[in-house]
């Protein structure tokens, strides 16, 4: 429910992986939301201009609706993504903070000099896995373009 309206009805996996809008996405777990807009279309998908990233191409199934945010979950982002693989979005960032939560560490990294701060979830499967990063460290962030969503701030239409 969002302001007295049903925002989305779906099973938990659908709500988490394919939220209807930014409200549902943020309500169901952590998510990075970058202001964005569609600037065109290409053979590979939809071209999106996203804050801090510039233009990126997202795969599109059918008609893409212009969103107000490009969204990516923290666990979808990796630090030092594989080089040379197609279909990845990459950006330089600087660690601003880290938080250790036992099973995961949360890394907060600013894209570029004045861009958005992205939250990255790192598994602590190995002892002290998240402790090696410090504020000020330069890192490369990356995630698969297919893991992004375009989401709107729009409330659902009244029935």
N, C-alpha and C. Protein backbone atom coordinates (compact mmCIF):
# COMPACT_ATOMS: atom_id res chain seq x y z
N UNK A 1 0.84 -1.19 0.00
CA UNK A 1 0.00 0.00 0.00
C UNK A 1 0.89 1.24 0.00
N UNK A 2 0.51 2.23 -0.80
CA UNK A 2 1.20 3.50 -0.88
C UNK A 2 0.15 4.60 -0.96
N UNK A 3 0.05 5.38 0.09
CA UNK A 3 -0.93 6.46 0.18
C UNK A 3 -2.36 5.95 -0.08
N UNK A 4 -2.67 4.81 0.52
CA UNK A 4 -4.01 4.25 0.42
C UNK A 4 -4.30 3.50 -0.87
N UNK A 5 -3.31 3.33 -1.72
CA UNK A 5 -3.49 2.60 -2.97
C UNK A 5 -2.60 1.37 -2.99
N UNK A 6 -3.08 0.32 -3.61
CA UNK A 6 -2.28 -0.89 -3.77
C UNK A 6 -1.18 -0.59 -4.78
N UNK A 7 0.06 -0.73 -4.36
CA UNK A 7 1.18 -0.42 -5.25
C UNK A 7 1.50 -1.59 -6.16
N UNK A 8 1.42 -2.83 -5.63
CA UNK A 8 1.72 -4.00 -6.43
C UNK A 8 1.27 -5.24 -5.69
N UNK A 9 0.71 -6.17 -6.43
CA UNK A 9 0.34 -7.47 -5.88
C UNK A 9 1.16 -8.51 -6.64
N UNK A 10 2.00 -9.25 -5.91
CA UNK A 10 2.86 -10.25 -6.54
C UNK A 10 3.47 -11.12 -5.46
N UNK A 11 4.12 -12.21 -5.87
CA UNK A 11 4.81 -13.06 -4.91
C UNK A 11 6.10 -12.35 -4.48
N UNK A 12 6.73 -12.80 -3.38
CA UNK A 12 7.91 -12.11 -2.86
C UNK A 12 9.05 -11.95 -3.88
N UNK A 13 9.33 -12.99 -4.65
CA UNK A 13 10.41 -12.90 -5.64
C UNK A 13 10.10 -11.84 -6.68
N UNK A 14 8.88 -11.81 -7.17
CA UNK A 14 8.48 -10.82 -8.17
C UNK A 14 8.56 -9.41 -7.59
N UNK A 15 8.11 -9.23 -6.35
CA UNK A 15 8.19 -7.91 -5.71
C UNK A 15 9.63 -7.43 -5.59
N UNK A 16 10.53 -8.33 -5.23
CA UNK A 16 11.93 -7.96 -5.03
C UNK A 16 12.66 -7.74 -6.35
N UNK A 17 12.51 -8.67 -7.29
CA UNK A 17 13.25 -8.61 -8.55
C UNK A 17 12.62 -7.69 -9.59
N UNK A 18 11.31 -7.49 -9.54
CA UNK A 18 10.62 -6.68 -10.54
C UNK A 18 9.57 -5.77 -9.88
N UNK A 19 10.01 -4.88 -9.02
CA UNK A 19 9.05 -3.97 -8.37
C UNK A 19 8.39 -3.05 -9.39
N UNK A 20 7.17 -2.65 -9.10
CA UNK A 20 6.40 -1.82 -10.03
C UNK A 20 6.89 -0.38 -10.08
N UNK A 21 7.46 0.10 -8.99
CA UNK A 21 7.90 1.50 -8.94
C UNK A 21 8.95 1.66 -7.83
N UNK A 22 9.45 2.89 -7.65
CA UNK A 22 10.50 3.13 -6.66
C UNK A 22 10.01 2.88 -5.24
N UNK A 23 8.74 3.14 -4.97
CA UNK A 23 8.20 2.90 -3.62
C UNK A 23 8.31 1.42 -3.26
N UNK A 24 7.82 0.55 -4.14
CA UNK A 24 7.87 -0.90 -3.88
C UNK A 24 9.32 -1.36 -3.79
N UNK A 25 10.17 -0.88 -4.69
CA UNK A 25 11.58 -1.29 -4.69
C UNK A 25 12.26 -0.96 -3.37
N UNK A 26 12.02 0.23 -2.86
CA UNK A 26 12.65 0.67 -1.62
C UNK A 26 12.01 0.00 -0.40
N UNK A 27 10.72 -0.28 -0.47
CA UNK A 27 10.00 -0.91 0.63
C UNK A 27 10.45 -2.36 0.81
N UNK A 28 10.75 -3.02 -0.31
CA UNK A 28 11.14 -4.44 -0.28
C UNK A 28 12.66 -4.53 -0.42
N UNK A 29 13.39 -4.15 0.61
CA UNK A 29 14.84 -4.30 0.62
C UNK A 29 15.59 -3.06 0.17
N UNK A 30 16.91 -3.13 0.25
CA UNK A 30 17.77 -2.02 -0.15
C UNK A 30 17.87 -1.98 -1.68
N UNK A 31 17.98 -0.76 -2.21
CA UNK A 31 18.15 -0.60 -3.65
C UNK A 31 18.83 0.73 -3.93
N UNK A 32 19.65 0.75 -4.96
CA UNK A 32 20.28 1.98 -5.42
C UNK A 32 19.38 2.58 -6.50
N UNK A 33 19.01 3.83 -6.33
CA UNK A 33 18.15 4.52 -7.29
C UNK A 33 18.90 5.73 -7.85
N UNK A 34 19.17 5.71 -9.15
CA UNK A 34 19.88 6.80 -9.80
C UNK A 34 18.91 7.54 -10.73
N UNK A 35 18.80 8.86 -10.60
CA UNK A 35 17.95 9.60 -11.54
C UNK A 35 18.36 9.26 -12.98
N UNK A 36 17.38 8.99 -13.84
CA UNK A 36 17.67 8.55 -15.20
C UNK A 36 16.51 8.89 -16.13
N UNK A 37 16.84 8.87 -17.43
CA UNK A 37 15.79 9.02 -18.45
C UNK A 37 16.23 8.31 -19.72
N UNK A 38 15.27 7.82 -20.48
CA UNK A 38 15.55 7.16 -21.75
C UNK A 38 15.90 8.23 -22.77
N UNK A 39 17.01 8.01 -23.49
CA UNK A 39 17.42 8.97 -24.53
C UNK A 39 17.32 8.38 -25.93
N UNK A 40 17.10 7.09 -26.03
CA UNK A 40 16.98 6.47 -27.35
C UNK A 40 16.87 4.97 -27.26
N UNK A 41 16.91 4.36 -28.41
CA UNK A 41 16.85 2.90 -28.50
C UNK A 41 17.93 2.43 -29.46
N UNK A 42 18.44 1.24 -29.23
CA UNK A 42 19.43 0.66 -30.13
C UNK A 42 19.07 -0.79 -30.35
N UNK A 43 19.82 -1.46 -31.21
CA UNK A 43 19.58 -2.88 -31.47
C UNK A 43 19.74 -3.68 -30.18
N UNK A 44 20.67 -3.24 -29.31
CA UNK A 44 20.96 -3.96 -28.07
C UNK A 44 19.93 -3.69 -26.97
N UNK A 45 19.14 -2.63 -27.09
CA UNK A 45 18.17 -2.32 -26.04
C UNK A 45 17.82 -0.86 -25.98
N UNK A 46 17.61 -0.38 -24.78
CA UNK A 46 17.20 1.00 -24.56
C UNK A 46 18.39 1.78 -24.02
N UNK A 47 18.61 2.99 -24.55
CA UNK A 47 19.72 3.83 -24.13
C UNK A 47 19.20 4.75 -23.03
N UNK A 48 19.91 4.74 -21.89
CA UNK A 48 19.47 5.48 -20.71
C UNK A 48 20.60 6.40 -20.26
N UNK A 49 20.25 7.63 -19.94
CA UNK A 49 21.19 8.58 -19.35
C UNK A 49 20.95 8.55 -17.85
N UNK A 50 21.95 8.08 -17.09
CA UNK A 50 21.80 7.92 -15.64
C UNK A 50 22.83 8.77 -14.92
N UNK A 51 22.41 9.39 -13.82
CA UNK A 51 23.29 10.24 -13.04
C UNK A 51 24.54 9.48 -12.62
N UNK A 52 25.70 10.06 -12.90
CA UNK A 52 26.96 9.47 -12.51
C UNK A 52 27.50 8.41 -13.46
N UNK A 53 26.65 7.87 -14.32
CA UNK A 53 27.07 6.81 -15.23
C UNK A 53 27.16 7.27 -16.68
N UNK A 54 26.47 8.33 -17.03
CA UNK A 54 26.38 8.73 -18.43
C UNK A 54 25.38 7.84 -19.13
N UNK A 55 25.59 7.64 -20.44
CA UNK A 55 24.67 6.79 -21.19
C UNK A 55 25.06 5.32 -21.07
N UNK A 56 24.07 4.50 -20.78
CA UNK A 56 24.26 3.06 -20.70
C UNK A 56 23.14 2.40 -21.52
N UNK A 57 23.38 1.19 -21.97
CA UNK A 57 22.38 0.45 -22.74
C UNK A 57 21.86 -0.69 -21.88
N UNK A 58 20.54 -0.71 -21.70
CA UNK A 58 19.89 -1.77 -20.93
C UNK A 58 19.12 -2.67 -21.88
N UNK A 59 19.21 -3.99 -21.68
CA UNK A 59 18.41 -4.87 -22.53
C UNK A 59 16.93 -4.59 -22.29
N UNK A 60 16.16 -4.69 -23.34
CA UNK A 60 14.74 -4.37 -23.22
C UNK A 60 13.91 -5.51 -23.77
N UNK A 61 12.93 -5.94 -23.00
CA UNK A 61 11.97 -6.94 -23.46
C UNK A 61 10.69 -6.20 -23.77
N UNK A 62 10.40 -6.04 -25.05
CA UNK A 62 9.20 -5.32 -25.44
C UNK A 62 9.38 -3.83 -25.26
N UNK A 63 8.31 -3.13 -25.00
CA UNK A 63 8.31 -1.67 -24.89
C UNK A 63 8.83 -1.23 -23.53
N UNK A 64 9.83 -0.39 -23.53
CA UNK A 64 10.37 0.16 -22.27
C UNK A 64 9.64 1.46 -21.97
N UNK A 65 9.17 1.57 -20.75
CA UNK A 65 8.49 2.78 -20.31
C UNK A 65 9.52 3.66 -19.64
N UNK A 66 9.53 4.94 -20.01
CA UNK A 66 10.52 5.85 -19.43
C UNK A 66 10.35 5.89 -17.93
N UNK A 67 11.45 5.69 -17.22
CA UNK A 67 11.42 5.72 -15.77
C UNK A 67 12.12 6.96 -15.26
N UNK A 68 11.95 7.23 -14.01
CA UNK A 68 12.63 8.36 -13.41
C UNK A 68 13.91 7.92 -12.71
N UNK A 69 14.11 6.62 -12.57
CA UNK A 69 15.30 6.10 -11.90
C UNK A 69 15.79 4.81 -12.55
N UNK A 70 17.11 4.68 -12.60
CA UNK A 70 17.73 3.41 -12.91
C UNK A 70 17.97 2.76 -11.55
N UNK A 71 17.55 1.52 -11.38
CA UNK A 71 17.65 0.85 -10.09
C UNK A 71 18.48 -0.41 -10.20
N UNK A 72 19.31 -0.63 -9.17
CA UNK A 72 20.10 -1.86 -9.09
C UNK A 72 20.27 -2.23 -7.62
N UNK A 73 20.05 -3.49 -7.30
CA UNK A 73 20.17 -3.97 -5.92
C UNK A 73 21.65 -4.05 -5.52
N UNK A 74 21.97 -3.76 -4.25
CA UNK A 74 23.36 -3.77 -3.78
C UNK A 74 24.08 -5.11 -3.99
N UNK A 75 23.38 -6.22 -3.88
CA UNK A 75 24.03 -7.53 -4.04
C UNK A 75 24.33 -7.86 -5.50
N UNK A 76 23.81 -7.10 -6.43
CA UNK A 76 24.08 -7.31 -7.86
C UNK A 76 25.38 -6.62 -8.28
N UNK A 77 25.88 -5.68 -7.45
CA UNK A 77 27.08 -4.92 -7.77
C UNK A 77 28.30 -5.66 -7.23
N UNK A 78 29.36 -5.70 -8.03
CA UNK A 78 30.62 -6.29 -7.60
C UNK A 78 31.71 -5.23 -7.63
N UNK A 79 32.70 -5.43 -6.78
CA UNK A 79 33.87 -4.56 -6.80
C UNK A 79 34.92 -5.25 -7.66
N UNK A 80 35.50 -4.53 -8.57
CA UNK A 80 36.46 -5.04 -9.55
C UNK A 80 35.79 -6.10 -10.43
N UNK A 81 34.84 -5.66 -11.29
CA UNK A 81 34.13 -6.60 -12.17
C UNK A 81 35.08 -7.23 -13.18
N UNK A 82 34.66 -8.35 -13.76
CA UNK A 82 35.50 -9.02 -14.76
C UNK A 82 35.75 -8.10 -15.95
N UNK A 83 36.97 -8.06 -16.42
CA UNK A 83 37.33 -7.20 -17.56
C UNK A 83 36.95 -7.88 -18.87
N UNK A 84 36.56 -7.07 -19.82
CA UNK A 84 36.34 -7.56 -21.17
C UNK A 84 35.04 -8.28 -21.42
N UNK A 85 34.17 -8.40 -20.43
CA UNK A 85 32.89 -9.07 -20.65
C UNK A 85 31.85 -8.06 -21.08
N UNK A 86 31.12 -8.38 -22.14
CA UNK A 86 30.05 -7.51 -22.62
C UNK A 86 28.86 -7.57 -21.68
N UNK A 87 28.02 -6.55 -21.74
CA UNK A 87 26.79 -6.54 -20.97
C UNK A 87 26.95 -6.05 -19.55
N UNK A 88 28.12 -5.48 -19.23
CA UNK A 88 28.37 -4.95 -17.89
C UNK A 88 28.38 -3.43 -17.90
N UNK A 89 27.91 -2.84 -16.84
CA UNK A 89 28.04 -1.40 -16.60
C UNK A 89 29.16 -1.26 -15.58
N UNK A 90 30.13 -0.41 -15.89
CA UNK A 90 31.28 -0.23 -15.01
C UNK A 90 31.44 1.25 -14.70
N UNK A 91 31.94 1.56 -13.51
CA UNK A 91 32.22 2.95 -13.16
C UNK A 91 33.30 3.00 -12.08
N UNK A 92 34.09 4.07 -12.13
CA UNK A 92 35.10 4.31 -11.10
C UNK A 92 34.39 4.93 -9.90
N UNK A 93 34.82 4.55 -8.70
CA UNK A 93 34.19 5.06 -7.48
C UNK A 93 35.24 5.13 -6.37
N UNK A 94 34.86 5.81 -5.30
CA UNK A 94 35.73 5.93 -4.13
C UNK A 94 34.91 5.52 -2.91
N UNK A 95 35.46 4.62 -2.10
CA UNK A 95 34.78 4.16 -0.89
C UNK A 95 34.63 5.34 0.08
N UNK A 96 33.40 5.54 0.57
CA UNK A 96 33.17 6.59 1.56
C UNK A 96 32.91 6.01 2.95
N UNK A 97 32.45 4.75 3.01
CA UNK A 97 32.19 4.12 4.31
C UNK A 97 31.97 2.63 4.11
N UNK A 98 32.14 1.87 5.18
CA UNK A 98 31.82 0.45 5.18
C UNK A 98 31.10 0.11 6.48
N UNK A 99 30.29 -0.93 6.42
CA UNK A 99 29.59 -1.40 7.62
C UNK A 99 29.61 -2.93 7.61
N UNK A 100 29.99 -3.52 8.74
CA UNK A 100 30.08 -4.97 8.88
C UNK A 100 28.82 -5.47 9.59
N UNK A 101 28.12 -6.43 8.97
CA UNK A 101 26.88 -6.96 9.54
C UNK A 101 26.92 -8.45 9.81
N UNK A 102 28.09 -9.03 9.90
CA UNK A 102 28.19 -10.47 10.14
C UNK A 102 28.25 -11.24 8.84
N UNK A 103 27.10 -11.56 8.25
CA UNK A 103 27.10 -12.33 7.01
C UNK A 103 27.44 -11.50 5.78
N UNK A 104 27.22 -10.19 5.87
CA UNK A 104 27.56 -9.29 4.76
C UNK A 104 28.22 -8.03 5.28
N UNK A 105 28.96 -7.39 4.39
CA UNK A 105 29.46 -6.05 4.66
C UNK A 105 28.83 -5.14 3.62
N UNK A 106 28.45 -3.96 4.04
CA UNK A 106 27.89 -2.96 3.14
C UNK A 106 29.00 -1.96 2.85
N UNK A 107 29.28 -1.73 1.58
CA UNK A 107 30.28 -0.76 1.17
C UNK A 107 29.52 0.37 0.48
N UNK A 108 29.82 1.60 0.86
CA UNK A 108 29.21 2.77 0.24
C UNK A 108 30.29 3.47 -0.55
N UNK A 109 30.08 3.63 -1.86
CA UNK A 109 31.11 4.19 -2.74
C UNK A 109 30.50 5.28 -3.61
N UNK A 110 31.20 6.42 -3.69
CA UNK A 110 30.76 7.54 -4.50
C UNK A 110 31.27 7.37 -5.92
N UNK A 111 30.36 7.47 -6.89
CA UNK A 111 30.71 7.39 -8.29
C UNK A 111 31.34 8.70 -8.72
N UNK A 112 32.54 8.64 -9.27
CA UNK A 112 33.23 9.86 -9.70
C UNK A 112 33.53 10.77 -8.52
N UNK A 113 33.73 12.06 -8.83
CA UNK A 113 34.07 13.02 -7.78
C UNK A 113 32.85 13.52 -7.01
N UNK A 114 31.72 13.68 -7.69
CA UNK A 114 30.54 14.26 -7.04
C UNK A 114 29.27 13.51 -7.40
N UNK A 115 29.40 12.27 -7.84
CA UNK A 115 28.24 11.50 -8.25
C UNK A 115 27.51 10.86 -7.08
N UNK A 116 26.55 10.02 -7.39
CA UNK A 116 25.76 9.36 -6.34
C UNK A 116 26.59 8.36 -5.55
N UNK A 117 26.16 8.09 -4.33
CA UNK A 117 26.78 7.05 -3.50
C UNK A 117 25.98 5.77 -3.70
N UNK A 118 26.68 4.72 -4.11
CA UNK A 118 26.04 3.42 -4.31
C UNK A 118 26.35 2.51 -3.13
N UNK A 119 25.36 1.70 -2.77
CA UNK A 119 25.51 0.69 -1.73
C UNK A 119 25.83 -0.63 -2.40
N UNK A 120 26.89 -1.30 -1.92
CA UNK A 120 27.33 -2.58 -2.46
C UNK A 120 27.32 -3.59 -1.32
N UNK A 121 26.67 -4.73 -1.52
CA UNK A 121 26.62 -5.78 -0.50
C UNK A 121 27.65 -6.84 -0.84
N UNK A 122 28.59 -7.05 0.09
CA UNK A 122 29.62 -8.07 -0.09
C UNK A 122 29.39 -9.21 0.89
N UNK A 123 29.46 -10.43 0.38
CA UNK A 123 29.32 -11.59 1.24
C UNK A 123 30.55 -11.72 2.13
N UNK A 124 30.34 -12.03 3.38
CA UNK A 124 31.44 -12.29 4.31
C UNK A 124 31.60 -13.79 4.52
N UNK A 125 31.50 -14.55 3.43
CA UNK A 125 31.62 -16.00 3.53
C UNK A 125 32.99 -16.39 4.09
N UNK A 126 34.00 -15.58 3.78
CA UNK A 126 35.33 -15.81 4.35
C UNK A 126 35.54 -14.80 5.47
N UNK A 127 36.14 -15.19 6.53
CA UNK A 127 36.37 -14.34 7.69
C UNK A 127 37.00 -13.01 7.27
N UNK A 128 36.45 -11.91 7.77
CA UNK A 128 36.95 -10.55 7.53
C UNK A 128 36.93 -10.13 6.06
N UNK A 129 36.04 -10.71 5.26
CA UNK A 129 35.99 -10.42 3.83
C UNK A 129 35.78 -8.94 3.54
N UNK A 130 34.94 -8.26 4.31
CA UNK A 130 34.64 -6.86 4.02
C UNK A 130 35.59 -5.87 4.65
N UNK A 131 36.53 -6.35 5.47
CA UNK A 131 37.40 -5.43 6.21
C UNK A 131 38.55 -4.85 5.40
N UNK A 132 38.80 -5.35 4.21
CA UNK A 132 39.96 -4.88 3.46
C UNK A 132 39.76 -3.52 2.81
N UNK A 133 38.52 -3.06 2.70
CA UNK A 133 38.25 -1.77 2.08
C UNK A 133 38.14 -0.68 3.14
N UNK A 134 38.75 0.46 2.84
CA UNK A 134 38.75 1.60 3.76
C UNK A 134 38.21 2.83 3.04
N UNK A 135 37.68 3.77 3.80
CA UNK A 135 37.24 5.05 3.22
C UNK A 135 38.41 5.67 2.47
N UNK A 136 38.13 6.15 1.28
CA UNK A 136 39.15 6.76 0.44
C UNK A 136 39.72 5.84 -0.62
N UNK A 137 39.51 4.52 -0.48
CA UNK A 137 40.03 3.58 -1.48
C UNK A 137 39.33 3.77 -2.82
N UNK A 138 40.10 3.78 -3.90
CA UNK A 138 39.54 3.83 -5.25
C UNK A 138 39.17 2.41 -5.66
N UNK A 139 37.98 2.25 -6.21
CA UNK A 139 37.50 0.94 -6.66
C UNK A 139 36.82 1.07 -8.01
N UNK A 140 36.69 -0.04 -8.68
CA UNK A 140 35.90 -0.13 -9.90
C UNK A 140 34.65 -0.92 -9.53
N UNK A 141 33.47 -0.37 -9.80
CA UNK A 141 32.21 -1.06 -9.55
C UNK A 141 31.65 -1.56 -10.87
N UNK A 142 30.92 -2.64 -10.81
CA UNK A 142 30.29 -3.14 -12.01
C UNK A 142 29.10 -4.03 -11.70
N UNK A 143 28.19 -4.10 -12.65
CA UNK A 143 27.03 -4.97 -12.55
C UNK A 143 26.51 -5.21 -13.96
N UNK A 144 25.79 -6.30 -14.10
CA UNK A 144 25.23 -6.64 -15.41
C UNK A 144 24.09 -5.67 -15.75
N UNK A 145 24.10 -5.20 -16.97
CA UNK A 145 23.03 -4.30 -17.42
C UNK A 145 21.67 -4.98 -17.25
N UNK A 146 21.62 -6.29 -17.41
CA UNK A 146 20.36 -7.03 -17.26
C UNK A 146 19.82 -7.00 -15.83
N UNK A 147 20.66 -6.63 -14.84
CA UNK A 147 20.23 -6.55 -13.45
C UNK A 147 19.62 -5.20 -13.10
N UNK A 148 19.59 -4.28 -14.06
CA UNK A 148 19.02 -2.94 -13.83
C UNK A 148 17.53 -2.92 -14.14
N UNK A 149 16.85 -2.02 -13.49
CA UNK A 149 15.44 -1.76 -13.75
C UNK A 149 15.27 -0.27 -14.01
N UNK A 150 14.29 0.09 -14.83
CA UNK A 150 13.86 1.48 -14.94
C UNK A 150 12.57 1.59 -14.17
N UNK A 151 12.56 2.47 -13.17
CA UNK A 151 11.40 2.59 -12.29
C UNK A 151 10.91 4.03 -12.25
N UNK A 152 9.63 4.16 -12.04
CA UNK A 152 9.00 5.47 -11.95
C UNK A 152 8.61 5.75 -10.50
N UNK A 153 8.41 7.01 -10.19
CA UNK A 153 7.88 7.42 -8.90
C UNK A 153 6.36 7.48 -8.90
N UNK A 154 5.76 7.18 -10.02
CA UNK A 154 4.32 7.30 -10.19
C UNK A 154 3.54 6.39 -9.24
N UNK A 155 2.48 6.92 -8.69
CA UNK A 155 1.56 6.09 -7.91
C UNK A 155 0.70 5.31 -8.90
N UNK A 156 0.26 4.12 -8.53
CA UNK A 156 -0.61 3.36 -9.44
C UNK A 156 -1.92 4.10 -9.64
N UNK A 157 -2.50 3.87 -10.79
CA UNK A 157 -3.78 4.51 -11.10
C UNK A 157 -4.87 3.99 -10.18
N UNK A 158 -5.83 4.85 -9.89
CA UNK A 158 -6.97 4.45 -9.05
C UNK A 158 -7.82 3.46 -9.81
N UNK A 159 -8.39 2.46 -9.10
CA UNK A 159 -9.21 1.45 -9.79
C UNK A 159 -10.47 2.06 -10.34
